[in-house]
Amino acid sequence: MKRMRCRLRVLMAEREITQTQLRESLGLGSHTISKLYNNRFDRVDRETIEKLCDYFSIEVGDLFVLKDEE
């Protein structure tokens, strides 16, 4: 079985961005960022995905990946 994983933690680390900096730059809630950062999300709003992809200059497939569940 595969599980969707968000690569937000990796993208932020590569750019040395904190959750606070990201929240302030995008106007997203801290709860939203935390859930994606820690892969504890069930649903993600399309606008949130678009903001993150624009911010990091990436495609959706660079933000979310499907991984085999162990």
N, C-alpha and C. Protein backbone atom coordinates (compact mmCIF):
# COMPACT_ATOMS: atom_id res chain seq x y z
N MET A 1 0.83 -1.17 0.00
CA MET A 1 0.00 0.00 0.00
C MET A 1 0.88 1.25 0.00
N LYS A 2 0.47 2.24 -0.77
CA LYS A 2 1.25 3.47 -0.85
C LYS A 2 0.60 4.56 -0.02
N ARG A 3 1.42 5.47 0.45
CA ARG A 3 0.95 6.59 1.26
C ARG A 3 1.54 7.88 0.71
N MET A 4 0.71 8.92 0.64
CA MET A 4 1.19 10.20 0.15
C MET A 4 2.01 10.88 1.23
N ARG A 5 3.17 11.38 0.84
CA ARG A 5 4.07 12.08 1.75
C ARG A 5 4.35 13.47 1.19
N CYS A 6 4.45 14.43 2.08
CA CYS A 6 4.76 15.80 1.69
C CYS A 6 6.25 16.03 1.93
N ARG A 7 6.90 16.65 0.96
CA ARG A 7 8.34 16.90 1.04
C ARG A 7 8.66 18.29 1.59
N LEU A 8 7.69 18.92 2.27
CA LEU A 8 7.88 20.29 2.75
C LEU A 8 9.10 20.40 3.66
N ARG A 9 9.28 19.45 4.55
CA ARG A 9 10.43 19.47 5.47
C ARG A 9 11.75 19.53 4.68
N VAL A 10 11.86 18.72 3.64
CA VAL A 10 13.07 18.67 2.82
C VAL A 10 13.27 19.99 2.08
N LEU A 11 12.21 20.49 1.48
CA LEU A 11 12.31 21.75 0.72
C LEU A 11 12.71 22.91 1.62
N MET A 12 12.15 22.95 2.81
CA MET A 12 12.49 24.02 3.75
C MET A 12 13.94 23.90 4.21
N ALA A 13 14.39 22.69 4.48
CA ALA A 13 15.78 22.48 4.92
C ALA A 13 16.77 22.88 3.83
N GLU A 14 16.46 22.54 2.59
CA GLU A 14 17.34 22.89 1.47
C GLU A 14 17.51 24.40 1.35
N ARG A 15 16.47 25.14 1.70
CA ARG A 15 16.49 26.60 1.57
C ARG A 15 16.69 27.31 2.90
N GLU A 16 16.87 26.51 3.95
CA GLU A 16 17.09 27.04 5.30
C GLU A 16 15.99 28.03 5.70
N ILE A 17 14.75 27.59 5.53
CA ILE A 17 13.58 28.39 5.85
C ILE A 17 12.89 27.78 7.06
N THR A 18 12.48 28.61 7.99
CA THR A 18 11.76 28.12 9.16
C THR A 18 10.26 28.11 8.87
N GLN A 19 9.52 27.41 9.71
CA GLN A 19 8.07 27.40 9.57
C GLN A 19 7.49 28.80 9.75
N THR A 20 8.06 29.56 10.65
CA THR A 20 7.59 30.93 10.87
C THR A 20 7.82 31.79 9.64
N GLN A 21 8.98 31.68 9.03
CA GLN A 21 9.27 32.46 7.81
C GLN A 21 8.31 32.08 6.69
N LEU A 22 8.04 30.80 6.55
CA LEU A 22 7.13 30.34 5.50
C LEU A 22 5.72 30.85 5.77
N ARG A 23 5.29 30.74 7.01
CA ARG A 23 3.95 31.22 7.39
C ARG A 23 3.80 32.70 7.08
N GLU A 24 4.78 33.49 7.46
CA GLU A 24 4.72 34.93 7.23
C GLU A 24 4.77 35.28 5.75
N SER A 25 5.56 34.55 4.97
CA SER A 25 5.68 34.82 3.54
C SER A 25 4.42 34.47 2.76
N LEU A 26 3.75 33.39 3.17
CA LEU A 26 2.61 32.89 2.40
C LEU A 26 1.26 33.20 3.03
N GLY A 27 1.25 33.61 4.28
CA GLY A 27 -0.02 33.88 4.94
C GLY A 27 -0.80 32.62 5.26
N LEU A 28 -0.09 31.51 5.41
CA LEU A 28 -0.73 30.25 5.79
C LEU A 28 -0.74 30.12 7.30
N GLY A 29 -1.67 29.35 7.81
CA GLY A 29 -1.74 29.12 9.25
C GLY A 29 -0.63 28.21 9.72
N SER A 30 -0.20 28.41 10.95
CA SER A 30 0.87 27.59 11.51
C SER A 30 0.44 26.13 11.61
N HIS A 31 -0.85 25.89 11.87
CA HIS A 31 -1.35 24.52 11.95
C HIS A 31 -1.24 23.81 10.59
N THR A 32 -1.55 24.53 9.53
CA THR A 32 -1.47 23.98 8.17
C THR A 32 -0.03 23.58 7.84
N ILE A 33 0.89 24.48 8.09
CA ILE A 33 2.30 24.21 7.79
C ILE A 33 2.81 23.06 8.65
N SER A 34 2.47 23.06 9.91
CA SER A 34 2.93 22.00 10.80
C SER A 34 2.43 20.63 10.36
N LYS A 35 1.16 20.55 9.96
CA LYS A 35 0.61 19.26 9.53
C LYS A 35 1.33 18.74 8.27
N LEU A 36 1.61 19.62 7.33
CA LEU A 36 2.33 19.21 6.12
C LEU A 36 3.78 18.87 6.44
N TYR A 37 4.42 19.67 7.25
CA TYR A 37 5.81 19.47 7.63
C TYR A 37 6.01 18.11 8.31
N ASN A 38 5.04 17.74 9.14
CA ASN A 38 5.14 16.48 9.90
C ASN A 38 4.37 15.32 9.27
N ASN A 39 3.87 15.52 8.06
CA ASN A 39 3.13 14.49 7.34
C ASN A 39 1.97 13.94 8.17
N ARG A 40 1.19 14.83 8.72
CA ARG A 40 0.03 14.46 9.53
C ARG A 40 -1.23 15.11 8.95
N PHE A 41 -1.35 15.06 7.65
CA PHE A 41 -2.48 15.69 6.97
C PHE A 41 -3.37 14.64 6.33
N ASP A 42 -4.64 14.97 6.22
CA ASP A 42 -5.59 14.12 5.50
C ASP A 42 -5.99 14.77 4.19
N ARG A 43 -6.13 16.08 4.23
CA ARG A 43 -6.52 16.85 3.05
C ARG A 43 -5.69 18.11 2.99
N VAL A 44 -5.48 18.60 1.75
CA VAL A 44 -4.76 19.86 1.57
C VAL A 44 -5.55 20.71 0.59
N ASP A 45 -5.77 21.94 0.96
CA ASP A 45 -6.50 22.87 0.12
C ASP A 45 -5.69 23.19 -1.14
N ARG A 46 -6.37 23.26 -2.27
CA ARG A 46 -5.71 23.54 -3.55
C ARG A 46 -4.92 24.85 -3.49
N GLU A 47 -5.48 25.86 -2.86
CA GLU A 47 -4.80 27.16 -2.76
C GLU A 47 -3.48 27.04 -1.98
N THR A 48 -3.48 26.21 -0.95
CA THR A 48 -2.26 25.98 -0.17
C THR A 48 -1.20 25.32 -1.05
N ILE A 49 -1.59 24.32 -1.81
CA ILE A 49 -0.65 23.63 -2.71
C ILE A 49 -0.09 24.61 -3.73
N GLU A 50 -0.95 25.42 -4.31
CA GLU A 50 -0.50 26.41 -5.31
C GLU A 50 0.48 27.41 -4.70
N LYS A 51 0.19 27.89 -3.50
CA LYS A 51 1.09 28.84 -2.83
C LYS A 51 2.46 28.21 -2.58
N LEU A 52 2.47 26.98 -2.10
CA LEU A 52 3.74 26.30 -1.82
C LEU A 52 4.53 26.04 -3.09
N CYS A 53 3.84 25.59 -4.13
CA CYS A 53 4.53 25.32 -5.40
C CYS A 53 5.10 26.61 -6.00
N ASP A 54 4.34 27.68 -5.94
CA ASP A 54 4.83 28.97 -6.44
C ASP A 54 6.02 29.45 -5.62
N TYR A 55 5.91 29.34 -4.31
CA TYR A 55 6.97 29.81 -3.42
C TYR A 55 8.29 29.09 -3.69
N PHE A 56 8.23 27.78 -3.84
CA PHE A 56 9.43 26.98 -4.04
C PHE A 56 9.78 26.79 -5.53
N SER A 57 8.95 27.33 -6.42
CA SER A 57 9.14 27.18 -7.88
C SER A 57 9.25 25.70 -8.26
N ILE A 58 8.26 24.93 -7.83
CA ILE A 58 8.23 23.50 -8.08
C ILE A 58 6.87 23.09 -8.62
N GLU A 59 6.78 21.86 -9.06
CA GLU A 59 5.52 21.26 -9.49
C GLU A 59 4.93 20.46 -8.34
N VAL A 60 3.67 20.13 -8.44
CA VAL A 60 2.99 19.38 -7.38
C VAL A 60 3.72 18.07 -7.09
N GLY A 61 4.21 17.40 -8.12
CA GLY A 61 4.93 16.14 -7.94
C GLY A 61 6.25 16.28 -7.20
N ASP A 62 6.74 17.51 -7.08
CA ASP A 62 7.96 17.76 -6.30
C ASP A 62 7.62 17.99 -4.83
N LEU A 63 6.37 18.34 -4.57
CA LEU A 63 5.91 18.60 -3.20
C LEU A 63 5.35 17.35 -2.54
N PHE A 64 4.63 16.55 -3.32
CA PHE A 64 4.00 15.33 -2.79
C PHE A 64 4.52 14.12 -3.57
N VAL A 65 4.79 13.05 -2.85
CA VAL A 65 5.23 11.79 -3.46
C VAL A 65 4.45 10.64 -2.83
N LEU A 66 4.31 9.55 -3.56
CA LEU A 66 3.71 8.33 -3.03
C LEU A 66 4.83 7.38 -2.64
N LYS A 67 4.78 6.91 -1.40
CA LYS A 67 5.82 5.99 -0.92
C LYS A 67 5.16 4.73 -0.39
N ASP A 68 5.86 3.62 -0.53
CA ASP A 68 5.37 2.37 0.04
C ASP A 68 5.32 2.49 1.54
N GLU A 69 4.24 2.05 2.11
CA GLU A 69 4.06 2.07 3.57
C GLU A 69 4.73 0.84 4.14
N GLU A 70 5.48 1.02 5.20
CA GLU A 70 6.21 -0.11 5.81
C GLU A 70 5.40 -0.75 6.90
